[in-house]
Amino acid sequence: MDPTLPDAPGGTIELDITTSEGIDMIGDEDSIALVLNRLKRAHGQLAGVIGMIENGRDCKDVVTQLAAVSRALDKAGFKIVATGLRECMTGESADGKEPMSEAELEKLFLALA
């Protein structure tokens, strides 16, 4: 996935993510930017954790940083689910498709729990 996504007509960017259920993730520019920033931050933190382990750093420091990575990933996932909830509540999705059903949203939420 190219982290520098071009703007799409109507002020939305389509993020080419498909879940195992075949649901495409669509979101507004701000939501996608937040998710990408959180994932990039987690990516950098994870690289730091790997380096810490390779350099024999203290277990407590490694676990503290690993917990930060986990929280960053959780926040990104919850933002994705929140976007789906917003679309479901308004009855509109950014791309004009039917929003996810309550069962689909519940399944995504439980995958993060």
PDB file of N, CA and C in Angstrom:
ATOM      1  N   MET A   1       0.843  -1.173   0.000  1.00  0.00           N
ATOM      2  CA  MET A   1       0.000   0.000   0.000  1.00  0.00           C
ATOM      3  C   MET A   1       0.884   1.231   0.000  1.00  0.00           C
ATOM      4  N   ASP A   2       0.589   2.149  -0.859  1.00  0.00           N
ATOM      5  CA  ASP A   2       1.331   3.396  -0.956  1.00  0.00           C
ATOM      6  C   ASP A   2       0.843   4.347   0.126  1.00  0.00           C
ATOM      7  N   PRO A   3       1.730   4.776   1.068  1.00  0.00           N
ATOM      8  CA  PRO A   3       1.280   5.657   2.141  1.00  0.00           C
ATOM      9  C   PRO A   3       0.917   7.064   1.670  1.00  0.00           C
ATOM     10  N   THR A   4       1.309   7.451   0.465  1.00  0.00           N
ATOM     11  CA  THR A   4       0.954   8.765  -0.063  1.00  0.00           C
ATOM     12  C   THR A   4      -0.162   8.584  -1.075  1.00  0.00           C
ATOM     13  N   LEU A   5      -1.376   8.579  -0.585  1.00  0.00           N
ATOM     14  CA  LEU A   5      -2.536   8.328  -1.423  1.00  0.00           C
ATOM     15  C   LEU A   5      -3.022   9.617  -2.061  1.00  0.00           C
ATOM     16  N   PRO A   6      -3.351   9.592  -3.344  1.00  0.00           N
ATOM     17  CA  PRO A   6      -3.874  10.792  -3.994  1.00  0.00           C
ATOM     18  C   PRO A   6      -5.292  11.082  -3.534  1.00  0.00           C
ATOM     19  N   ASP A   7      -5.677  12.354  -3.595  1.00  0.00           N
ATOM     20  CA  ASP A   7      -7.049  12.725  -3.253  1.00  0.00           C
ATOM     21  C   ASP A   7      -7.997  12.195  -4.312  1.00  0.00           C
ATOM     22  N   ALA A   8      -9.123  11.708  -3.852  1.00  0.00           N
ATOM     23  CA  ALA A   8     -10.161  11.228  -4.759  1.00  0.00           C
ATOM     24  C   ALA A   8     -11.228  12.309  -4.879  1.00  0.00           C
ATOM     25  N   PRO A   9     -12.060  12.261  -5.912  1.00  0.00           N
ATOM     26  CA  PRO A   9     -13.132  13.252  -6.048  1.00  0.00           C
ATOM     27  C   PRO A   9     -14.048  13.224  -4.828  1.00  0.00           C
ATOM     28  N   GLY A  10     -14.540  14.371  -4.441  1.00  0.00           N
ATOM     29  CA  GLY A  10     -15.468  14.443  -3.322  1.00  0.00           C
ATOM     30  C   GLY A  10     -14.799  14.525  -1.969  1.00  0.00           C
ATOM     31  N   GLY A  11     -13.473  14.677  -1.924  1.00  0.00           N
ATOM     32  CA  GLY A  11     -12.784  14.835  -0.651  1.00  0.00           C
ATOM     33  C   GLY A  11     -12.567  13.552   0.118  1.00  0.00           C
ATOM     34  N   THR A  12     -12.695  12.405  -0.524  1.00  0.00           N
ATOM     35  CA  THR A  12     -12.432  11.147   0.164  1.00  0.00           C
ATOM     36  C   THR A  12     -11.281  10.433  -0.512  1.00  0.00           C
ATOM     37  N   ILE A  13     -10.661   9.570   0.241  1.00  0.00           N
ATOM     38  CA  ILE A  13      -9.604   8.731  -0.289  1.00  0.00           C
ATOM     39  C   ILE A  13     -10.039   7.295  -0.069  1.00  0.00           C
ATOM     40  N   GLU A  14      -9.932   6.478  -1.076  1.00  0.00           N
ATOM     41  CA  GLU A  14     -10.276   5.073  -0.915  1.00  0.00           C
ATOM     42  C   GLU A  14      -9.035   4.320  -0.499  1.00  0.00           C
ATOM     43  N   LEU A  15      -9.129   3.638   0.628  1.00  0.00           N
ATOM     44  CA  LEU A  15      -8.032   2.833   1.141  1.00  0.00           C
ATOM     45  C   LEU A  15      -8.314   1.407   0.730  1.00  0.00           C
ATOM     46  N   ASP A  16      -7.421   0.788   0.018  1.00  0.00           N
ATOM     47  CA  ASP A  16      -7.652  -0.534  -0.540  1.00  0.00           C
ATOM     48  C   ASP A  16      -7.363  -1.614   0.487  1.00  0.00           C
ATOM     49  N   ILE A  17      -8.266  -1.745   1.464  1.00  0.00           N
ATOM     50  CA  ILE A  17      -8.159  -2.782   2.482  1.00  0.00           C
ATOM     51  C   ILE A  17      -9.420  -3.608   2.394  1.00  0.00           C
ATOM     52  N   THR A  18      -9.286  -4.908   2.293  1.00  0.00           N
ATOM     53  CA  THR A  18     -10.436  -5.787   2.270  1.00  0.00           C
ATOM     54  C   THR A  18     -10.306  -6.779   3.413  1.00  0.00           C
ATOM     55  N   THR A  19     -11.346  -6.885   4.240  1.00  0.00           N
ATOM     56  CA  THR A  19     -11.329  -7.818   5.350  1.00  0.00           C
ATOM     57  C   THR A  19     -11.565  -9.228   4.820  1.00  0.00           C
ATOM     58  N   SER A  20     -11.431 -10.209   5.704  1.00  0.00           N
ATOM     59  CA  SER A  20     -11.664 -11.592   5.293  1.00  0.00           C
ATOM     60  C   SER A  20     -13.113 -11.817   4.873  1.00  0.00           C
ATOM     61  N   GLU A  21     -14.019 -10.918   5.298  1.00  0.00           N
ATOM     62  CA  GLU A  21     -15.423 -11.027   4.904  1.00  0.00           C
ATOM     63  C   GLU A  21     -15.688 -10.319   3.587  1.00  0.00           C
ATOM     64  N   GLY A  22     -14.646  -9.706   2.986  1.00  0.00           N
ATOM     65  CA  GLY A  22     -14.803  -9.037   1.704  1.00  0.00           C
ATOM     66  C   GLY A  22     -15.319  -7.618   1.803  1.00  0.00           C
ATOM     67  N   ILE A  23     -15.203  -6.995   2.970  1.00  0.00           N
ATOM     68  CA  ILE A  23     -15.685  -5.627   3.163  1.00  0.00           C
ATOM     69  C   ILE A  23     -14.540  -4.674   2.866  1.00  0.00           C
ATOM     70  N   ASP A  24     -14.760  -3.720   1.960  1.00  0.00           N
ATOM     71  CA  ASP A  24     -13.749  -2.706   1.666  1.00  0.00           C
ATOM     72  C   ASP A  24     -13.822  -1.610   2.705  1.00  0.00           C
ATOM     73  N   MET A  25     -12.651  -1.111   3.131  1.00  0.00           N
ATOM     74  CA  MET A  25     -12.626  -0.007   4.072  1.00  0.00           C
ATOM     75  C   MET A  25     -12.587   1.299   3.301  1.00  0.00           C
ATOM     76  N   ILE A  26     -13.548   2.126   3.540  1.00  0.00           N
ATOM     77  CA  ILE A  26     -13.607   3.449   2.941  1.00  0.00           C
ATOM     78  C   ILE A  26     -13.742   4.439   4.082  1.00  0.00           C
ATOM     79  N   GLY A  27     -13.063   5.551   3.971  1.00  0.00           N
ATOM     80  CA  GLY A  27     -13.185   6.554   5.020  1.00  0.00           C
ATOM     81  C   GLY A  27     -12.874   7.922   4.474  1.00  0.00           C
ATOM     82  N   ASP A  28     -13.196   8.916   5.271  1.00  0.00           N
ATOM     83  CA  ASP A  28     -12.877  10.265   4.850  1.00  0.00           C
ATOM     84  C   ASP A  28     -11.386  10.514   5.034  1.00  0.00           C
ATOM     85  N   GLU A  29     -10.909  11.569   4.432  1.00  0.00           N
ATOM     86  CA  GLU A  29      -9.481  11.899   4.439  1.00  0.00           C
ATOM     87  C   GLU A  29      -8.913  11.981   5.845  1.00  0.00           C
ATOM     88  N   ASP A  30      -9.617  12.641   6.754  1.00  0.00           N
ATOM     89  CA  ASP A  30      -9.117  12.813   8.114  1.00  0.00           C
ATOM     90  C   ASP A  30      -8.994  11.485   8.842  1.00  0.00           C
ATOM     91  N   SER A  31      -9.998  10.628   8.715  1.00  0.00           N
ATOM     92  CA  SER A  31      -9.963   9.323   9.385  1.00  0.00           C
ATOM     93  C   SER A  31      -8.814   8.478   8.859  1.00  0.00           C
ATOM     94  N   ILE A  32      -8.648   8.459   7.552  1.00  0.00           N
ATOM     95  CA  ILE A  32      -7.582   7.663   6.956  1.00  0.00           C
ATOM     96  C   ILE A  32      -6.221   8.205   7.363  1.00  0.00           C
ATOM     97  N   ALA A  33      -6.083   9.529   7.395  1.00  0.00           N
ATOM     98  CA  ALA A  33      -4.813  10.132   7.809  1.00  0.00           C
ATOM     99  C   ALA A  33      -4.481   9.746   9.251  1.00  0.00           C
ATOM    100  N   LEU A  34      -5.479   9.774  10.133  1.00  0.00           N
ATOM    101  CA  LEU A  34      -5.240   9.382  11.524  1.00  0.00           C
ATOM    102  C   LEU A  34      -4.811   7.924  11.630  1.00  0.00           C
ATOM    103  N   VAL A  35      -5.503   7.045  10.910  1.00  0.00           N
ATOM    104  CA  VAL A  35      -5.157   5.624  10.944  1.00  0.00           C
ATOM    105  C   VAL A  35      -3.745   5.410  10.412  1.00  0.00           C
ATOM    106  N   LEU A  36      -3.431   6.027   9.274  1.00  0.00           N
ATOM    107  CA  LEU A  36      -2.094   5.860   8.704  1.00  0.00           C
ATOM    108  C   LEU A  36      -1.007   6.396   9.639  1.00  0.00           C
ATOM    109  N   ASN A  37      -1.255   7.535  10.268  1.00  0.00           N
ATOM    110  CA  ASN A  37      -0.274   8.082  11.210  1.00  0.00           C
ATOM    111  C   ASN A  37      -0.052   7.147  12.384  1.00  0.00           C
ATOM    112  N   ARG A  38      -1.121   6.592  12.909  1.00  0.00           N
ATOM    113  CA  ARG A  38      -0.994   5.658  14.036  1.00  0.00           C
ATOM    114  C   ARG A  38      -0.248   4.400  13.622  1.00  0.00           C
ATOM    115  N   LEU A  39      -0.538   3.896  12.434  1.00  0.00           N
ATOM    116  CA  LEU A  39       0.147   2.691  11.965  1.00  0.00           C
ATOM    117  C   LEU A  39       1.624   2.960  11.689  1.00  0.00           C
ATOM    118  N   LYS A  40       1.937   4.123  11.142  1.00  0.00           N
ATOM    119  CA  LYS A  40       3.336   4.483  10.903  1.00  0.00           C
ATOM    120  C   LYS A  40       4.085   4.616  12.227  1.00  0.00           C
ATOM    121  N   ARG A  41       3.430   5.221  13.222  1.00  0.00           N
ATOM    122  CA  ARG A  41       4.041   5.355  14.547  1.00  0.00           C
ATOM    123  C   ARG A  41       4.300   3.974  15.146  1.00  0.00           C
ATOM    124  N   ALA A  42       3.312   3.089  15.043  1.00  0.00           N
ATOM    125  CA  ALA A  42       3.479   1.728  15.567  1.00  0.00           C
ATOM    126  C   ALA A  42       4.599   0.997  14.836  1.00  0.00           C
ATOM    127  N   HIS A  43       4.695   1.220  13.539  1.00  0.00           N
ATOM    128  CA  HIS A  43       5.752   0.598  12.733  1.00  0.00           C
ATOM    129  C   HIS A  43       7.125   1.027  13.243  1.00  0.00           C
ATOM    130  N   GLY A  44       7.285   2.319  13.486  1.00  0.00           N
ATOM    131  CA  GLY A  44       8.546   2.838  14.007  1.00  0.00           C
ATOM    132  C   GLY A  44       8.839   2.320  15.405  1.00  0.00           C
ATOM    133  N   GLN A  45       7.811   2.261  16.247  1.00  0.00           N
ATOM    134  CA  GLN A  45       7.992   1.743  17.597  1.00  0.00           C
ATOM    135  C   GLN A  45       8.382   0.274  17.576  1.00  0.00           C
ATOM    136  N   LEU A  46       7.772  -0.498  16.679  1.00  0.00           N
ATOM    137  CA  LEU A  46       8.102  -1.917  16.590  1.00  0.00           C
ATOM    138  C   LEU A  46       9.535  -2.114  16.123  1.00  0.00           C
ATOM    139  N   ALA A  47       9.976  -1.307  15.175  1.00  0.00           N
ATOM    140  CA  ALA A  47      11.380  -1.374  14.742  1.00  0.00           C
ATOM    141  C   ALA A  47      12.301  -1.073  15.919  1.00  0.00           C
ATOM    142  N   GLY A  48      11.898  -0.113  16.765  1.00  0.00           N
ATOM    143  CA  GLY A  48      12.678   0.202  17.955  1.00  0.00           C
ATOM    144  C   GLY A  48      12.730  -0.959  18.933  1.00  0.00           C
ATOM    145  N   VAL A  49      11.608  -1.637  19.113  1.00  0.00           N
ATOM    146  CA  VAL A  49      11.564  -2.795  20.013  1.00  0.00           C
ATOM    147  C   VAL A  49      12.483  -3.901  19.500  1.00  0.00           C
ATOM    148  N   ILE A  50      12.452  -4.146  18.207  1.00  0.00           N
ATOM    149  CA  ILE A  50      13.327  -5.175  17.618  1.00  0.00           C
ATOM    150  C   ILE A  50      14.788  -4.816  17.870  1.00  0.00           C
ATOM    151  N   GLY A  51      15.118  -3.540  17.656  1.00  0.00           N
ATOM    152  CA  GLY A  51      16.484  -3.088  17.920  1.00  0.00           C
ATOM    153  C   GLY A  51      16.870  -3.250  19.380  1.00  0.00           C
ATOM    154  N   MET A  52      15.932  -2.956  20.279  1.00  0.00           N
ATOM    155  CA  MET A  52      16.202  -3.105  21.708  1.00  0.00           C
ATOM    156  C   MET A  52      16.518  -4.554  22.058  1.00  0.00           C
ATOM    157  N   ILE A  53      15.753  -5.476  21.486  1.00  0.00           N
ATOM    158  CA  ILE A  53      15.978  -6.899  21.756  1.00  0.00           C
ATOM    159  C   ILE A  53      17.322  -7.334  21.182  1.00  0.00           C
ATOM    160  N   GLU A  54      17.610  -6.908  19.959  1.00  0.00           N
ATOM    161  CA  GLU A  54      18.880  -7.259  19.326  1.00  0.00           C
ATOM    162  C   GLU A  54      20.074  -6.719  20.101  1.00  0.00           C
ATOM    163  N   ASN A  55      19.888  -5.580  20.783  1.00  0.00           N
ATOM    164  CA  ASN A  55      20.965  -4.964  21.545  1.00  0.00           C
ATOM    165  C   ASN A  55      20.984  -5.396  23.008  1.00  0.00           C
ATOM    166  N   GLY A  56      20.119  -6.343  23.370  1.00  0.00           N
ATOM    167  CA  GLY A  56      20.127  -6.879  24.727  1.00  0.00           C
ATOM    168  C   GLY A  56      19.622  -5.930  25.789  1.00  0.00           C
ATOM    169  N   ARG A  57      18.681  -5.051  25.434  1.00  0.00           N
ATOM    170  CA  ARG A  57      18.161  -4.079  26.400  1.00  0.00           C
ATOM    171  C   ARG A  57      17.359  -4.768  27.502  1.00  0.00           C
ATOM    172  N   ASP A  58      17.179  -4.048  28.577  1.00  0.00           N
ATOM    173  CA  ASP A  58      16.471  -4.527  29.754  1.00  0.00           C
ATOM    174  C   ASP A  58      15.036  -4.965  29.399  1.00  0.00           C
ATOM    175  N   CYS A  59      14.608  -6.060  29.988  1.00  0.00           N
ATOM    176  CA  CYS A  59      13.282  -6.637  29.737  1.00  0.00           C
ATOM    177  C   CYS A  59      12.176  -5.632  30.006  1.00  0.00           C
ATOM    178  N   LYS A  60      12.279  -4.890  31.100  1.00  0.00           N
ATOM    179  CA  LYS A  60      11.243  -3.916  31.462  1.00  0.00           C
ATOM    180  C   LYS A  60      11.097  -2.855  30.373  1.00  0.00           C
ATOM    181  N   ASP A  61      12.218  -2.356  29.852  1.00  0.00           N
ATOM    182  CA  ASP A  61      12.177  -1.348  28.792  1.00  0.00           C
ATOM    183  C   ASP A  61      11.538  -1.903  27.524  1.00  0.00           C
ATOM    184  N   VAL A  62      11.885  -3.143  27.186  1.00  0.00           N
ATOM    185  CA  VAL A  62      11.345  -3.776  25.982  1.00  0.00           C
ATOM    186  C   VAL A  62       9.831  -3.946  26.107  1.00  0.00           C
ATOM    187  N   VAL A  63       9.395  -4.445  27.255  1.00  0.00           N
ATOM    188  CA  VAL A  63       7.955  -4.679  27.443  1.00  0.00           C
ATOM    189  C   VAL A  63       7.191  -3.354  27.451  1.00  0.00           C
ATOM    190  N   THR A  64       7.760  -2.315  28.045  1.00  0.00           N
ATOM    191  CA  THR A  64       7.118  -0.997  28.046  1.00  0.00           C
ATOM    192  C   THR A  64       6.913  -0.501  26.622  1.00  0.00           C
ATOM    193  N   GLN A  65       7.926  -0.624  25.785  1.00  0.00           N
ATOM    194  CA  GLN A  65       7.811  -0.177  24.396  1.00  0.00           C
ATOM    195  C   GLN A  65       6.869  -1.072  23.599  1.00  0.00           C
ATOM    196  N   LEU A  66       6.884  -2.365  23.878  1.00  0.00           N
ATOM    197  CA  LEU A  66       5.980  -3.287  23.194  1.00  0.00           C
ATOM    198  C   LEU A  66       4.526  -2.961  23.539  1.00  0.00           C
ATOM    199  N   ALA A  67       4.270  -2.562  24.776  1.00  0.00           N
ATOM    200  CA  ALA A  67       2.922  -2.159  25.176  1.00  0.00           C
ATOM    201  C   ALA A  67       2.493  -0.906  24.407  1.00  0.00           C
ATOM    202  N   ALA A  68       3.425   0.005  24.169  1.00  0.00           N
ATOM    203  CA  ALA A  68       3.107   1.219  23.398  1.00  0.00           C
ATOM    204  C   ALA A  68       2.729   0.853  21.962  1.00  0.00           C
ATOM    205  N   VAL A  69       3.432  -0.112  21.377  1.00  0.00           N
ATOM    206  CA  VAL A  69       3.102  -0.574  20.024  1.00  0.00           C
ATOM    207  C   VAL A  69       1.691  -1.154  20.011  1.00  0.00           C
ATOM    208  N   SER A  70       1.392  -1.966  21.001  1.00  0.00           N
ATOM    209  CA  SER A  70       0.079  -2.600  21.086  1.00  0.00           C
ATOM    210  C   SER A  70      -1.026  -1.555  21.191  1.00  0.00           C
ATOM    211  N   ARG A  71      -0.823  -0.526  22.021  1.00  0.00           N
ATOM    212  CA  ARG A  71      -1.829   0.534  22.155  1.00  0.00           C
ATOM    213  C   ARG A  71      -2.006   1.292  20.848  1.00  0.00           C
ATOM    214  N   ALA A  72      -0.916   1.558  20.150  1.00  0.00           N
ATOM    215  CA  ALA A  72      -1.011   2.277  18.873  1.00  0.00           C
ATOM    216  C   ALA A  72      -1.813   1.467  17.857  1.00  0.00           C
ATOM    217  N   LEU A  73      -1.592   0.172  17.810  1.00  0.00           N
ATOM    218  CA  LEU A  73      -2.338  -0.693  16.891  1.00  0.00           C
ATOM    219  C   LEU A  73      -3.817  -0.754  17.280  1.00  0.00           C
ATOM    220  N   ASP A  74      -4.078  -0.846  18.588  1.00  0.00           N
ATOM    221  CA  ASP A  74      -5.469  -0.856  19.051  1.00  0.00           C
ATOM    222  C   ASP A  74      -6.189   0.427  18.648  1.00  0.00           C
ATOM    223  N   LYS A  75      -5.534   1.570  18.839  1.00  0.00           N
ATOM    224  CA  LYS A  75      -6.149   2.844  18.489  1.00  0.00           C
ATOM    225  C   LYS A  75      -6.448   2.927  16.997  1.00  0.00           C
ATOM    226  N   ALA A  76      -5.554   2.418  16.170  1.00  0.00           N
ATOM    227  CA  ALA A  76      -5.796   2.417  14.724  1.00  0.00           C
ATOM    228  C   ALA A  76      -7.004   1.539  14.399  1.00  0.00           C
ATOM    229  N   GLY A  77      -7.067   0.367  15.005  1.00  0.00           N
ATOM    230  CA  GLY A  77      -8.193  -0.536  14.761  1.00  0.00           C
ATOM    231  C   GLY A  77      -9.512   0.056  15.216  1.00  0.00           C
ATOM    232  N   PHE A  78      -9.510   0.682  16.399  1.00  0.00           N
ATOM    233  CA  PHE A  78     -10.737   1.284  16.904  1.00  0.00           C
ATOM    234  C   PHE A  78     -11.185   2.451  16.032  1.00  0.00           C
ATOM    235  N   LYS A  79     -10.251   3.201  15.475  1.00  0.00           N
ATOM    236  CA  LYS A  79     -10.603   4.297  14.569  1.00  0.00           C
ATOM    237  C   LYS A  79     -11.284   3.755  13.311  1.00  0.00           C
ATOM    238  N   ILE A  80     -10.776   2.640  12.812  1.00  0.00           N
ATOM    239  CA  ILE A  80     -11.386   2.011  11.632  1.00  0.00           C
ATOM    240  C   ILE A  80     -12.818   1.585  11.951  1.00  0.00           C
ATOM    241  N   VAL A  81     -13.013   0.947  13.106  1.00  0.00           N
ATOM    242  CA  VAL A  81     -14.352   0.510  13.499  1.00  0.00           C
ATOM    243  C   VAL A  81     -15.260   1.717  13.724  1.00  0.00           C
ATOM    244  N   ALA A  82     -14.728   2.779  14.346  1.00  0.00           N
ATOM    245  CA  ALA A  82     -15.532   3.988  14.595  1.00  0.00           C
ATOM    246  C   ALA A  82     -16.007   4.605  13.286  1.00  0.00           C
ATOM    247  N   THR A  83     -15.158   4.588  12.275  1.00  0.00           N
ATOM    248  CA  THR A  83     -15.557   5.106  10.959  1.00  0.00           C
ATOM    249  C   THR A  83     -16.718   4.288  10.406  1.00  0.00           C
ATOM    250  N   GLY A  84     -16.625   2.973  10.552  1.00  0.00           N
ATOM    251  CA  GLY A  84     -17.719   2.097  10.113  1.00  0.00           C
ATOM    252  C   GLY A  84     -19.002   2.360  10.881  1.00  0.00           C
ATOM    253  N   LEU A  85     -18.884   2.618  12.188  1.00  0.00           N
ATOM    254  CA  LEU A  85     -20.070   2.923  12.992  1.00  0.00           C
ATOM    255  C   LEU A  85     -20.714   4.226  12.544  1.00  0.00           C
ATOM    256  N   ARG A  86     -19.889   5.226  12.271  1.00  0.00           N
ATOM    257  CA  ARG A  86     -20.420   6.516  11.823  1.00  0.00           C
ATOM    258  C   ARG A  86     -21.190   6.335  10.513  1.00  0.00           C
ATOM    259  N   GLU A  87     -20.625   5.580   9.592  1.00  0.00           N
ATOM    260  CA  GLU A  87     -21.299   5.338   8.315  1.00  0.00           C
ATOM    261  C   GLU A  87     -22.595   4.577   8.522  1.00  0.00           C
ATOM    262  N   CYS A  88     -22.570   3.630   9.452  1.00  0.00           N
ATOM    263  CA  CYS A  88     -23.763   2.832   9.723  1.00  0.00           C
ATOM    264  C   CYS A  88     -24.872   3.698  10.312  1.00  0.00           C
ATOM    265  N   MET A  89     -24.499   4.612  11.222  1.00  0.00           N
ATOM    266  CA  MET A  89     -25.489   5.461  11.881  1.00  0.00           C
ATOM    267  C   MET A  89     -26.110   6.468  10.908  1.00  0.00           C
ATOM    268  N   THR A  90     -25.303   6.981   9.991  1.00  0.00           N
ATOM    269  CA  THR A  90     -25.826   7.974   9.051  1.00  0.00           C
ATOM    270  C   THR A  90     -26.482   7.312   7.849  1.00  0.00           C
ATOM    271  N   GLY A  91     -26.198   6.026   7.646  1.00  0.00           N
ATOM    272  CA  GLY A  91     -26.759   5.323   6.499  1.00  0.00           C
ATOM    273  C   GLY A  91     -26.036   5.630   5.209  1.00  0.00           C
ATOM    274  N   GLU A  92     -24.900   6.310   5.306  1.00  0.00           N
ATOM    275  CA  GLU A  92     -24.133   6.678   4.114  1.00  0.00           C
ATOM    276  C   GLU A  92     -22.687   6.241   4.283  1.00  0.00           C
ATOM    277  N   SER A  93     -22.104   5.767   3.204  1.00  0.00           N
ATOM    278  CA  SER A  93     -20.674   5.500   3.211  1.00  0.00           C
ATOM    279  C   SER A  93     -20.027   6.464   2.230  1.00  0.00           C
ATOM    280  N   ALA A  94     -18.737   6.662   2.390  1.00  0.00           N
ATOM    281  CA  ALA A  94     -18.030   7.641   1.568  1.00  0.00           C
ATOM    282  C   ALA A  94     -18.081   7.297   0.084  1.00  0.00           C
ATOM    283  N   ASP A  95     -18.217   6.006  -0.234  1.00  0.00           N
ATOM    284  CA  ASP A  95     -18.192   5.607  -1.639  1.00  0.00           C
ATOM    285  C   ASP A  95     -19.577   5.307  -2.211  1.00  0.00           C
ATOM    286  N   GLY A  96     -20.629   5.543  -1.407  1.00  0.00           N
ATOM    287  CA  GLY A  96     -21.983   5.316  -1.894  1.00  0.00           C
ATOM    288  C   GLY A  96     -22.475   3.886  -1.736  1.00  0.00           C
ATOM    289  N   LYS A  97     -21.616   2.980  -1.240  1.00  0.00           N
ATOM    290  CA  LYS A  97     -22.045   1.601  -1.009  1.00  0.00           C
ATOM    291  C   LYS A  97     -22.858   1.531   0.278  1.00  0.00           C
ATOM    292  N   GLU A  98     -23.537   0.415   0.457  1.00  0.00           N
ATOM    293  CA  GLU A  98     -24.267   0.185   1.700  1.00  0.00           C
ATOM    294  C   GLU A  98     -23.267   0.131   2.858  1.00  0.00           C
ATOM    295  N   PRO A  99     -23.574   0.794   3.984  1.00  0.00           N
ATOM    296  CA  PRO A  99     -22.682   0.706   5.138  1.00  0.00           C
ATOM    297  C   PRO A  99     -22.712  -0.705   5.719  1.00  0.00           C
ATOM    298  N   MET A 100     -21.713  -1.010   6.543  1.00  0.00           N
ATOM    299  CA  MET A 100     -21.637  -2.327   7.158  1.00  0.00           C
ATOM    300  C   MET A 100     -22.846  -2.552   8.054  1.00  0.00           C
ATOM    301  N   SER A 101     -23.251  -3.803   8.149  1.00  0.00           N
ATOM    302  CA  SER A 101     -24.365  -4.153   9.018  1.00  0.00           C
ATOM    303  C   SER A 101     -23.894  -4.166  10.472  1.00  0.00           C
ATOM    304  N   GLU A 102     -24.847  -4.193  11.374  1.00  0.00           N
ATOM    305  CA  GLU A 102     -24.516  -4.255  12.801  1.00  0.00           C
ATOM    306  C   GLU A 102     -23.697  -5.505  13.103  1.00  0.00           C
ATOM    307  N   ALA A 103     -24.043  -6.626  12.493  1.00  0.00           N
ATOM    308  CA  ALA A 103     -23.309  -7.876  12.721  1.00  0.00           C
ATOM    309  C   ALA A 103     -21.865  -7.774  12.226  1.00  0.00           C
ATOM    310  N   GLU A 104     -21.682  -7.140  11.071  1.00  0.00           N
ATOM    311  CA  GLU A 104     -20.326  -6.963  10.542  1.00  0.00           C
ATOM    312  C   GLU A 104     -19.495  -6.061  11.448  1.00  0.00           C
ATOM    313  N   LEU A 105     -20.092  -4.976  11.939  1.00  0.00           N
ATOM    314  CA  LEU A 105     -19.396  -4.074  12.846  1.00  0.00           C
ATOM    315  C   LEU A 105     -19.053  -4.769  14.158  1.00  0.00           C
ATOM    316  N   GLU A 106     -19.995  -5.547  14.669  1.00  0.00           N
ATOM    317  CA  GLU A 106     -19.742  -6.276  15.914  1.00  0.00           C
ATOM    318  C   GLU A 106     -18.584  -7.251  15.746  1.00  0.00           C
ATOM    319  N   LYS A 107     -18.554  -7.932  14.622  1.00  0.00           N
ATOM    320  CA  LYS A 107     -17.483  -8.880  14.343  1.00  0.00           C
ATOM    321  C   LYS A 107     -16.120  -8.177  14.282  1.00  0.00           C
ATOM    322  N   LEU A 108     -16.062  -7.018  13.635  1.00  0.00           N
ATOM    323  CA  LEU A 108     -14.823  -6.250  13.580  1.00  0.00           C
ATOM    324  C   LEU A 108     -14.408  -5.774  14.964  1.00  0.00           C
ATOM    325  N   PHE A 109     -15.362  -5.272  15.733  1.00  0.00           N
ATOM    326  CA  PHE A 109     -15.064  -4.794  17.084  1.00  0.00           C
ATOM    327  C   PHE A 109     -14.526  -5.926  17.946  1.00  0.00           C
ATOM    328  N   LEU A 110     -15.168  -7.084  17.902  1.00  0.00           N
ATOM    329  CA  LEU A 110     -14.723  -8.219  18.698  1.00  0.00           C
ATOM    330  C   LEU A 110     -13.366  -8.744  18.280  1.00  0.00           C
ATOM    331  N   ALA A 111     -13.014  -8.552  17.022  1.00  0.00           N
ATOM    332  CA  ALA A 111     -11.676  -8.961  16.562  1.00  0.00           C
ATOM    333  C   ALA A 111     -10.588  -8.158  17.261  1.00  0.00           C
ATOM    334  N   LEU A 112     -10.911  -6.938  17.701  1.00  0.00           N
ATOM    335  CA  LEU A 112      -9.931  -6.086  18.397  1.00  0.00           C
ATOM    336  C   LEU A 112      -9.938  -6.323  19.906  1.00  0.00           C
ATOM    337  N   ALA A 113     -11.021  -6.890  20.425  1.00  0.00           N
ATOM    338  CA  ALA A 113     -11.144  -7.057  21.877  1.00  0.00           C
ATOM    339  C   ALA A 113     -10.278  -8.192  22.403  1.00  0.00           C
TER     340      ALA A 113
END
